[in-house]
Amino acid sequence: MEVVRRPDGNRFRRADGRPYAFQDTASRAASEIDARGAGSSRAKSNADLSTESNVWYDDDDKATVVASWGAGGTDLPAGTRFSLDGDSVVALVRRTGRSARVDDYTRAAGETGDIARNLGLRSGVGSPIVVAGRLWGALFVHSKQTHQPLPRDTESRLTGFTELVATAIANAESRAELTASRARIVAAADETRRRIERDLHDGTQQRLVSLGLELQAARAIVPPQFGELEAELSLVAEGLILVSDELREIARGIHPAILSEGGLGPAIRALCRRSAIPVELDLRGDRRLPEPIEVAAYYVVSEGLTNAAKHANPSSVKVSLDTHATTLQLAIRDDGIGGADPSDGSGLVGLKDRVEALGGTFRVTSPAGTGTSLLINVPLEAQHPAP
């Protein structure tokens, strides 16, 4: 038996440091069960139990305890892993896919039998948790009573509860898959933006620069008696410069090179310098962040400043960015007319989707007459793909 935990005790990990994929699902499932008013007492009502545990079947033929309850504490903390050999309840459920019981652990074989005896457990009952047709894990209960095994109706009571657990886990996994899908869509869109910006910079912009130089060379050899031609060539050259500048601004809006090269701090400073209204900037913790988070924060600031200049008529805007150890906090506040409605066809809707795809929150407050505030929080902890 092993217990794999991080020092903070909140999430447990494999030996190689990767977190188990089920953890967020299990915690959401527990929250959903609590919200429905169901608790472990449903399975305990007619049984004197010592421990009740929820396990997840790992890919390497082991079980991991997701959650555990017990009178006066539990001897099986979350993160405990053990093999599925022998005659334990957990092993029997894994092999058969059905509810199982062991009425006497005194002669049970295998590692889990040894664990049961070391914990003083005498009997146990387990029921499978089946999610989307697959055996996800099991819920099992054990008793230390020596005079009698668990009651015969324990299996039926556990089955009713595991069905509720399975529904909650399925709902949580669906939400997790939707969030992951949104994140992949955002990442693909960002990669497309980078490719277009790179193509514009390396292709079209460079060609315009070359044409401008060729035109300047042509102007230099125009004979003096053709002054009108030289003037026309000058107008064309100026037009090429304007087109090149406009294209540079378009490319910067698609994906600013300064964001990739310098990070979020320099990119936001550049936005504030170009702003049509005065900006008070407060940057704390100016460090490189995961690229999707930097891109999301940049576009929130860009859209916030643009909306303020176009619609809010403010005298100034304040932009605050704070990157804590685990959270990015971004606030954009103006003193304009307020009354902004994010659902009224503004670009804020897409930005809200982008932030929420990163597991963050996006809040807009805009009372009429008192200005508008955009408040964004995004977790900075690295997201690991599910195994």
Protein backbone atom coordinates (compact mmCIF):
# COMPACT_ATOMS: atom_id res chain seq x y z
CA MET A 1 0.00 0.00 0.00
CA GLU A 2 1.22 3.49 -0.80
CA VAL A 3 -0.07 6.98 -0.20
CA VAL A 4 0.81 9.48 -2.92
CA ARG A 5 0.18 13.05 -1.79
CA ARG A 6 1.48 16.53 -2.39
CA PRO A 7 2.82 18.39 0.66
CA ASP A 8 -0.23 20.70 0.73
CA GLY A 9 -2.43 17.62 1.10
CA ASN A 10 -5.03 18.90 -1.36
CA ARG A 11 -4.19 16.86 -4.44
CA PHE A 12 -2.27 13.62 -4.71
CA ARG A 13 -0.05 12.64 -7.58
CA ARG A 14 1.64 9.72 -9.25
CA ALA A 15 5.24 8.90 -8.49
CA ASP A 16 6.29 10.86 -11.61
CA GLY A 17 4.51 13.97 -10.37
CA ARG A 18 1.50 13.89 -12.71
CA PRO A 19 -1.88 14.37 -11.00
CA TYR A 20 -4.55 11.73 -11.36
CA ALA A 21 -7.08 12.63 -14.02
CA PHE A 22 -10.11 11.81 -11.86
CA GLN A 23 -9.41 14.27 -9.06
CA ASP A 24 -11.34 17.27 -10.33
CA THR A 25 -14.16 15.00 -11.48
CA ALA A 26 -14.39 13.34 -8.08
CA SER A 27 -14.43 16.65 -6.21
CA ARG A 28 -17.14 18.02 -8.50
CA ALA A 29 -19.13 14.83 -8.04
CA ALA A 30 -18.91 15.14 -4.28
CA SER A 31 -20.12 18.73 -4.47
CA GLU A 32 -23.04 17.72 -6.68
CA ILE A 33 -24.02 14.91 -4.30
CA ASP A 34 -23.89 17.29 -1.34
CA ALA A 35 -25.99 19.81 -3.25
CA ARG A 36 -28.68 17.17 -3.80
CA GLY A 37 -28.78 16.48 -0.07
CA ALA A 38 -27.49 12.93 -0.33
CA GLY A 39 -24.83 11.75 2.07
CA SER A 40 -23.21 8.61 3.27
CA SER A 41 -25.94 8.24 5.88
CA ARG A 42 -28.20 6.72 3.19
CA ALA A 43 -25.94 3.69 3.02
CA LYS A 44 -25.35 3.60 6.77
CA SER A 45 -28.89 3.84 8.03
CA ASN A 46 -29.24 0.14 8.87
CA ALA A 47 -25.59 -0.83 9.21
CA ASP A 48 -23.01 -0.20 11.91
CA LEU A 49 -20.05 0.77 9.71
CA SER A 50 -16.45 1.55 10.61
CA THR A 51 -15.25 2.85 7.22
CA GLU A 52 -16.78 3.88 3.92
CA SER A 53 -14.57 4.63 0.92
CA ASN A 54 -14.83 5.59 -2.72
CA VAL A 55 -12.10 4.17 -4.96
CA TRP A 56 -11.09 4.76 -8.55
CA TYR A 57 -9.68 1.93 -10.67
CA ASP A 58 -6.34 3.00 -12.12
CA ASP A 59 -4.99 1.86 -15.48
CA ASP A 60 -2.21 -0.20 -13.89
CA ASP A 61 -4.55 -2.66 -12.14
CA LYS A 62 -4.55 -0.76 -8.90
CA ALA A 63 -7.21 1.08 -6.93
CA THR A 64 -6.86 4.59 -5.52
CA VAL A 65 -8.94 5.93 -2.66
CA VAL A 66 -10.72 9.10 -3.80
CA ALA A 67 -12.56 9.81 -0.56
CA SER A 68 -13.04 8.01 2.73
CA TRP A 69 -15.17 8.41 5.84
CA GLY A 70 -15.00 6.70 9.18
CA ALA A 71 -16.14 6.93 12.76
CA GLY A 72 -13.61 9.14 14.52
CA GLY A 73 -11.52 9.49 11.34
CA THR A 74 -10.41 7.19 8.56
CA ASP A 75 -7.57 4.72 8.21
CA LEU A 76 -7.65 5.00 4.40
CA PRO A 77 -6.80 8.60 3.45
CA ALA A 78 -7.37 9.92 -0.05
CA GLY A 79 -4.43 8.95 -2.21
CA THR A 80 -4.00 5.47 -0.78
CA ARG A 81 -3.23 3.01 -3.60
CA PHE A 82 -3.24 -0.76 -3.43
CA SER A 83 -3.16 -3.71 -5.82
CA LEU A 84 -6.27 -5.63 -6.83
CA ASP A 85 -5.07 -9.14 -6.12
CA GLY A 86 -6.65 -11.49 -3.64
CA ASP A 87 -10.21 -11.77 -2.33
CA SER A 88 -11.04 -8.27 -1.16
CA VAL A 89 -14.32 -6.52 -1.93
CA VAL A 90 -12.56 -4.00 -4.19
CA ALA A 91 -10.81 -6.76 -6.17
CA LEU A 92 -14.01 -8.79 -6.53
CA VAL A 93 -15.98 -5.79 -7.85
CA ARG A 94 -13.20 -5.07 -10.36
CA ARG A 95 -13.16 -8.67 -11.62
CA THR A 96 -16.93 -9.22 -11.81
CA GLY A 97 -18.31 -5.73 -12.39
CA ARG A 98 -21.02 -6.51 -9.82
CA SER A 99 -21.64 -5.92 -6.14
CA ALA A 100 -19.61 -8.17 -3.88
CA ARG A 101 -19.14 -8.95 -0.20
CA VAL A 102 -16.60 -10.57 2.10
CA ASP A 103 -18.04 -11.75 5.39
CA ASP A 104 -14.73 -12.73 7.00
CA TYR A 105 -11.37 -11.12 6.21
CA THR A 106 -9.40 -13.33 8.59
CA ARG A 107 -8.35 -15.66 5.76
CA ALA A 108 -8.59 -13.30 2.76
CA ALA A 109 -5.56 -13.49 0.45
CA GLY A 110 -3.63 -10.67 -1.23
CA GLU A 111 -2.46 -7.19 -0.31
CA THR A 112 -5.94 -5.85 0.32
CA GLY A 113 -6.67 -8.76 2.66
CA ASP A 114 -3.55 -7.83 4.63
CA ILE A 115 -4.67 -4.19 4.71
CA ALA A 116 -8.12 -5.16 5.99
CA ARG A 117 -6.68 -7.29 8.78
CA ASN A 118 -4.17 -4.60 9.76
CA LEU A 119 -7.04 -2.12 10.05
CA GLY A 120 -9.10 -4.54 12.12
CA LEU A 121 -11.81 -4.92 9.47
CA ARG A 122 -13.88 -8.09 9.61
CA SER A 123 -16.42 -7.81 6.78
CA GLY A 124 -17.14 -5.61 3.78
CA VAL A 125 -19.54 -4.91 0.92
CA GLY A 126 -18.79 -3.08 -2.34
CA SER A 127 -20.84 -1.82 -5.28
CA PRO A 128 -19.53 -0.78 -8.73
CA ILE A 129 -19.66 2.80 -10.01
CA VAL A 130 -20.43 2.52 -13.73
CA VAL A 131 -20.05 5.70 -15.79
CA ALA A 132 -21.04 5.72 -19.48
CA GLY A 133 -20.94 1.94 -19.62
CA ARG A 134 -17.45 1.58 -18.13
CA LEU A 135 -16.41 0.49 -14.66
CA TRP A 136 -15.10 3.73 -13.16
CA GLY A 137 -14.61 2.65 -9.55
CA ALA A 138 -16.44 1.33 -6.53
CA LEU A 139 -18.00 2.36 -3.26
CA PHE A 140 -17.35 -0.03 -0.41
CA VAL A 141 -18.14 -0.20 3.30
CA HIS A 142 -16.44 -2.22 6.01
CA SER A 143 -17.24 -3.14 9.56
CA LYS A 144 -15.05 -4.10 12.52
CA GLN A 145 -17.84 -6.00 14.21
CA THR A 146 -16.75 -9.50 15.11
CA HIS A 147 -20.11 -11.01 15.99
CA GLN A 148 -21.86 -10.61 12.63
CA PRO A 149 -21.19 -9.55 9.01
CA LEU A 150 -22.83 -6.59 7.37
CA PRO A 151 -26.63 -6.88 6.85
CA ARG A 152 -27.87 -8.60 3.70
CA ASP A 153 -29.59 -5.49 2.36
CA THR A 154 -26.31 -3.50 2.33
CA GLU A 155 -25.73 -4.26 -1.36
CA SER A 156 -29.09 -2.82 -2.42
CA ARG A 157 -28.58 0.29 -0.33
CA LEU A 158 -25.10 0.83 -1.79
CA THR A 159 -26.39 0.32 -5.34
CA GLY A 160 -28.84 3.19 -4.96
CA PHE A 161 -26.10 5.46 -3.72
CA THR A 162 -23.52 4.44 -6.36
CA GLU A 163 -26.05 5.23 -9.10
CA LEU A 164 -26.24 8.76 -7.76
CA VAL A 165 -22.43 8.95 -7.61
CA ALA A 166 -22.16 7.68 -11.19
CA THR A 167 -24.62 10.31 -12.43
CA ALA A 168 -22.70 13.06 -10.68
CA ILE A 169 -19.37 11.84 -12.08
CA ALA A 170 -20.80 11.58 -15.60
CA ASN A 171 -22.10 15.15 -15.38
CA ALA A 172 -18.77 16.38 -14.03
CA GLU A 173 -16.82 14.58 -16.76
CA SER A 174 -19.08 16.07 -19.42
CA ARG A 175 -18.38 19.54 -18.06
CA ALA A 176 -14.66 18.81 -17.94
CA GLU A 177 -14.69 17.56 -21.54
CA LEU A 178 -16.58 20.67 -22.66
CA THR A 179 -14.07 22.93 -20.92
CA ALA A 180 -11.17 21.04 -22.50
CA SER A 181 -12.82 21.29 -25.92
CA ARG A 182 -13.25 25.05 -25.53
CA ALA A 183 -9.59 25.37 -24.52
CA ARG A 184 -8.51 23.43 -27.62
CA ILE A 185 -10.62 25.67 -29.86
CA VAL A 186 -9.08 28.80 -28.30
CA ALA A 187 -5.57 27.36 -28.71
CA ALA A 188 -6.23 26.52 -32.37
CA ALA A 189 -7.55 30.04 -33.01
CA ASP A 190 -4.46 31.56 -31.37
CA GLU A 191 -2.16 29.41 -33.47
CA THR A 192 -4.00 30.56 -36.60
CA ARG A 193 -3.60 34.18 -35.51
CA ARG A 194 0.14 33.68 -35.01
CA ARG A 195 0.50 32.09 -38.42
CA ILE A 196 -1.37 34.92 -40.17
CA GLU A 197 0.68 37.54 -38.31
CA ARG A 198 3.90 35.76 -39.25
CA ASP A 199 2.86 35.45 -42.89
CA LEU A 200 1.94 39.12 -43.06
CA HIS A 201 5.22 40.17 -41.46
CA ASP A 202 7.49 37.87 -43.42
CA GLY A 203 5.62 38.06 -46.72
CA THR A 204 3.33 40.98 -47.51
CA GLN A 205 5.02 43.59 -45.31
CA GLN A 206 8.49 42.73 -46.57
CA ARG A 207 7.25 42.94 -50.18
CA LEU A 208 5.78 46.39 -49.53
CA VAL A 209 9.08 47.55 -48.05
CA SER A 210 10.94 46.28 -51.11
CA LEU A 211 8.52 48.05 -53.46
CA GLY A 212 9.01 51.27 -51.53
CA LEU A 213 12.78 51.05 -51.86
CA GLU A 214 12.50 50.35 -55.58
CA LEU A 215 10.22 53.33 -55.98
CA GLN A 216 12.66 55.57 -54.13
CA ALA A 217 15.42 54.38 -56.45
CA ALA A 218 13.24 55.15 -59.48
CA ARG A 219 12.55 58.67 -58.18
CA ALA A 220 16.26 59.30 -57.85
CA ILE A 221 16.91 58.78 -61.57
CA VAL A 222 13.98 60.84 -62.89
CA PRO A 223 15.38 63.70 -65.07
CA PRO A 224 14.74 67.23 -63.75
CA GLN A 225 12.50 68.09 -66.70
CA PHE A 226 10.05 65.41 -65.56
CA GLY A 227 9.17 67.06 -62.29
CA GLU A 228 5.51 66.09 -62.57
CA LEU A 229 6.46 62.40 -62.80
CA GLU A 230 8.73 62.75 -59.78
CA ALA A 231 5.83 64.24 -57.79
CA GLU A 232 3.55 61.38 -58.77
CA LEU A 233 6.16 58.86 -57.73
CA SER A 234 6.48 60.63 -54.36
CA LEU A 235 2.73 60.33 -53.78
CA VAL A 236 2.85 56.62 -54.61
CA ALA A 237 5.78 56.15 -52.20
CA GLU A 238 3.90 57.91 -49.41
CA GLY A 239 0.88 55.73 -50.10
CA LEU A 240 3.00 52.59 -49.83
CA ILE A 241 4.31 53.79 -46.46
CA LEU A 242 0.75 54.35 -45.21
CA VAL A 243 -0.36 50.92 -46.45
CA SER A 244 2.61 49.30 -44.75
CA ASP A 245 1.81 51.10 -41.48
CA GLU A 246 -1.84 50.06 -41.65
CA LEU A 247 -0.86 46.46 -42.37
CA ARG A 248 1.52 46.53 -39.41
CA GLU A 249 -1.33 47.67 -37.14
CA ILE A 250 -3.59 44.92 -38.52
CA ALA A 251 -0.90 42.30 -37.88
CA ARG A 252 -0.35 43.66 -34.37
CA GLY A 253 -4.07 43.37 -33.68
CA ILE A 254 -4.17 39.78 -34.96
CA HIS A 255 -1.32 38.69 -32.69
CA PRO A 256 1.11 41.28 -31.32
CA ALA A 257 4.73 40.26 -31.73
CA ILE A 258 5.66 42.11 -28.54
CA LEU A 259 3.45 39.72 -26.56
CA SER A 260 5.35 36.68 -27.81
CA GLU A 261 8.75 38.32 -27.48
CA GLY A 262 8.45 40.39 -24.31
CA GLY A 263 5.51 38.99 -22.40
CA LEU A 264 2.34 40.44 -20.96
CA GLY A 265 3.85 43.42 -19.13
CA PRO A 266 5.52 45.08 -22.14
CA ALA A 267 2.53 44.27 -24.35
CA ILE A 268 0.07 45.95 -21.97
CA ARG A 269 2.39 48.97 -21.63
CA ALA A 270 2.36 49.31 -25.41
CA LEU A 271 -1.46 49.18 -25.44
CA CYS A 272 -1.64 51.89 -22.80
CA ARG A 273 0.79 54.14 -24.70
CA ARG A 274 -1.38 53.89 -27.83
CA SER A 275 -4.62 54.46 -25.94
CA ALA A 276 -6.72 57.47 -26.98
CA ILE A 277 -7.44 58.22 -23.30
CA PRO A 278 -5.05 58.52 -20.32
CA VAL A 279 -4.31 55.20 -18.63
CA GLU A 280 -3.05 54.64 -15.10
CA LEU A 281 -1.15 51.35 -15.12
CA ASP A 282 -0.43 49.23 -12.05
CA LEU A 283 1.59 46.08 -12.82
CA ARG A 284 2.59 43.71 -10.03
CA GLY A 285 4.47 40.48 -10.54
CA ASP A 286 5.60 41.20 -14.11
CA ARG A 287 6.67 37.66 -15.07
CA ARG A 288 6.12 35.34 -18.00
CA LEU A 289 2.91 33.33 -17.80
CA PRO A 290 1.51 30.43 -19.84
CA GLU A 291 0.88 31.70 -23.36
CA PRO A 292 -2.92 31.14 -23.41
CA ILE A 293 -3.25 33.22 -20.24
CA GLU A 294 -1.06 36.02 -21.61
CA VAL A 295 -3.07 36.13 -24.84
CA ALA A 296 -6.40 36.20 -22.99
CA ALA A 297 -5.30 38.99 -20.63
CA TYR A 298 -3.89 41.02 -23.53
CA TYR A 299 -7.11 40.90 -25.51
CA VAL A 300 -9.19 41.76 -22.44
CA VAL A 301 -7.09 44.90 -21.90
CA SER A 302 -7.19 45.76 -25.61
CA GLU A 303 -10.97 45.36 -25.83
CA GLY A 304 -11.50 47.17 -22.54
CA LEU A 305 -9.50 50.21 -23.64
CA THR A 306 -11.14 50.25 -27.08
CA ASN A 307 -14.66 50.05 -25.62
CA ALA A 308 -13.91 52.77 -23.09
CA ALA A 309 -12.65 55.12 -25.80
CA LYS A 310 -15.58 54.42 -28.15
CA HIS A 311 -18.53 54.25 -25.80
CA ALA A 312 -17.80 55.33 -22.21
CA ASN A 313 -16.51 58.92 -22.65
CA PRO A 314 -14.18 58.59 -19.62
CA SER A 315 -11.53 61.02 -18.44
CA SER A 316 -9.16 58.15 -17.56
CA VAL A 317 -8.87 54.38 -17.24
CA LYS A 318 -7.02 52.35 -14.62
CA VAL A 319 -5.52 48.97 -15.52
CA SER A 320 -4.33 46.75 -12.66
CA LEU A 321 -2.56 43.43 -13.17
CA ASP A 322 -1.45 41.22 -10.29
CA THR A 323 0.01 37.75 -10.82
CA HIS A 324 -0.16 35.94 -7.49
CA ALA A 325 1.48 32.59 -6.93
CA THR A 326 -1.58 30.77 -8.21
CA THR A 327 -3.90 33.41 -9.76
CA LEU A 328 -3.83 36.21 -12.31
CA GLN A 329 -6.04 39.12 -11.29
CA LEU A 330 -6.80 41.77 -13.90
CA ALA A 331 -9.01 44.82 -13.44
CA ILE A 332 -9.88 47.54 -15.98
CA ARG A 333 -11.89 50.44 -14.55
CA ASP A 334 -13.02 53.66 -16.20
CA ASP A 335 -14.91 56.68 -14.87
CA GLY A 336 -17.20 56.98 -17.88
CA ILE A 337 -20.96 56.87 -18.33
CA GLY A 338 -21.39 53.17 -17.49
CA GLY A 339 -24.42 51.19 -18.58
CA ALA A 340 -22.43 48.67 -20.62
CA ASP A 341 -24.23 45.42 -21.51
CA PRO A 342 -21.79 42.59 -22.36
CA SER A 343 -24.53 40.60 -24.10
CA ASP A 344 -25.38 43.44 -26.48
CA GLY A 345 -23.16 42.29 -29.33
CA SER A 346 -19.85 43.46 -27.86
CA GLY A 347 -16.52 41.68 -28.15
CA LEU A 348 -16.63 40.98 -24.42
CA VAL A 349 -18.72 37.86 -25.01
CA GLY A 350 -15.89 36.16 -26.88
CA LEU A 351 -13.39 37.28 -24.26
CA LYS A 352 -15.58 35.83 -21.51
CA ASP A 353 -15.59 32.49 -23.34
CA ARG A 354 -11.81 32.65 -23.69
CA VAL A 355 -11.26 33.36 -19.99
CA GLU A 356 -13.71 30.69 -18.86
CA ALA A 357 -12.05 28.14 -21.16
CA LEU A 358 -8.94 28.67 -19.02
CA GLY A 359 -10.90 27.95 -15.84
CA GLY A 360 -11.17 31.64 -14.99
CA THR A 361 -13.96 34.07 -14.19
CA PHE A 362 -14.98 37.18 -16.11
CA ARG A 363 -17.22 39.77 -14.47
CA VAL A 364 -18.52 43.10 -15.79
CA THR A 365 -20.04 45.76 -13.53
CA SER A 366 -21.33 48.90 -15.21
CA PRO A 367 -23.94 50.90 -13.26
CA ALA A 368 -25.24 53.86 -15.25
CA GLY A 369 -23.31 57.01 -14.48
CA THR A 370 -20.53 55.41 -12.44
CA GLY A 371 -18.21 53.82 -15.00
CA THR A 372 -17.44 50.28 -16.06
CA SER A 373 -15.22 47.64 -14.45
CA LEU A 374 -13.92 44.43 -15.99
CA LEU A 375 -12.68 41.96 -13.36
CA ILE A 376 -10.84 38.82 -14.44
CA ASN A 377 -9.37 35.98 -12.37
CA VAL A 378 -7.50 33.10 -14.02
CA PRO A 379 -5.76 30.23 -12.19
CA LEU A 380 -2.08 29.93 -13.05
CA GLU A 381 -1.56 26.34 -11.98
CA ALA A 382 -0.45 24.26 -14.95
CA GLN A 383 -3.16 22.09 -16.44
CA HIS A 384 -2.14 18.48 -17.12
CA PRO A 385 -3.83 16.45 -19.81
CA ALA A 386 -5.74 13.43 -18.68
CA PRO A 387 -3.87 10.15 -19.08
